[in-house]
Amino acid sequence: MTKASALAYKVVESSVVTEDELTRIVNEMNAEGWSFDAFHFVTREGSHRPAMVFAMFTRAEAKA
């Protein structure tokens, strides 16, 4: 009998929203076995520049 797998989610929050920081986060999480899913940017009222970012990742994990 094989174990079923469940999709696990990981959210990484950063207040540094630069190309280098986003690349570092994605590469670091990928090295830990997580797959990139999406970025969610948060802006302040009256500004188009993101104030922070939430990076979403997923990976399959065996159910106990």
Protein backbone atom coordinates (compact mmCIF):
# COMPACT_ATOMS: atom_id res chain seq x y z
CA MET A 1 0.00 0.00 0.00
CA THR A 2 1.36 3.45 -0.90
CA LYS A 3 0.98 6.51 1.28
CA ALA A 4 -1.20 9.30 -0.07
CA SER A 5 0.42 12.68 -0.45
CA ALA A 6 -0.93 16.02 0.65
CA LEU A 7 -0.02 19.42 -0.68
CA ALA A 8 1.83 21.47 1.94
CA TYR A 9 2.00 25.26 1.77
CA LYS A 10 4.72 27.66 2.94
CA VAL A 11 4.47 31.46 3.08
CA VAL A 12 7.56 33.65 3.32
CA GLU A 13 7.10 37.32 4.25
CA SER A 14 9.60 40.03 3.35
CA SER A 15 9.60 43.80 3.76
CA VAL A 16 12.54 44.03 1.34
CA VAL A 17 10.96 43.99 -2.13
CA THR A 18 13.85 44.01 -4.58
CA GLU A 19 14.74 41.75 -7.47
CA ASP A 20 17.74 40.39 -5.57
CA GLU A 21 15.71 39.60 -2.44
CA LEU A 22 12.89 37.92 -4.37
CA THR A 23 15.44 35.83 -6.29
CA ARG A 24 17.18 34.86 -3.04
CA ILE A 25 13.91 33.76 -1.45
CA VAL A 26 12.86 31.65 -4.45
CA ASN A 27 16.28 30.01 -4.78
CA GLU A 28 16.55 29.30 -1.03
CA MET A 29 13.11 27.73 -0.83
CA ASN A 30 13.66 25.74 -4.02
CA ALA A 31 16.84 24.29 -2.51
CA GLU A 32 14.69 23.14 0.45
CA GLY A 33 12.34 21.27 -1.89
CA TRP A 34 9.57 23.88 -2.18
CA SER A 35 8.04 24.88 -5.55
CA PHE A 36 7.29 28.53 -6.19
CA ASP A 37 3.58 29.28 -6.50
CA ALA A 38 3.03 33.06 -6.41
CA PHE A 39 4.02 36.47 -5.07
CA HIS A 40 1.42 38.65 -3.33
CA PHE A 41 2.49 42.28 -3.07
CA VAL A 42 1.22 44.75 -0.47
CA THR A 43 1.23 48.44 -1.31
CA ARG A 44 0.62 51.50 0.82
CA GLU A 45 -2.21 53.82 -0.03
CA GLY A 46 -1.08 56.39 -2.57
CA SER A 47 2.00 54.42 -3.62
CA HIS A 48 2.53 51.95 -6.42
CA ARG A 49 5.77 50.61 -4.93
CA PRO A 50 5.21 47.43 -2.89
CA ALA A 51 5.85 47.83 0.84
CA MET A 52 6.13 44.08 1.40
CA VAL A 53 5.70 40.74 -0.33
CA PHE A 54 4.37 37.33 0.58
CA ALA A 55 5.98 34.53 -1.42
CA MET A 56 3.90 31.34 -1.64
CA PHE A 57 5.38 27.87 -2.07
CA THR A 58 4.03 24.31 -2.22
CA ARG A 59 5.35 20.75 -2.04
CA ALA A 60 3.88 17.27 -1.82
CA GLU A 61 4.27 15.57 1.55
CA ALA A 62 3.35 12.03 2.52
CA LYS A 63 0.37 11.72 4.83
CA ALA A 64 1.01 9.84 8.06
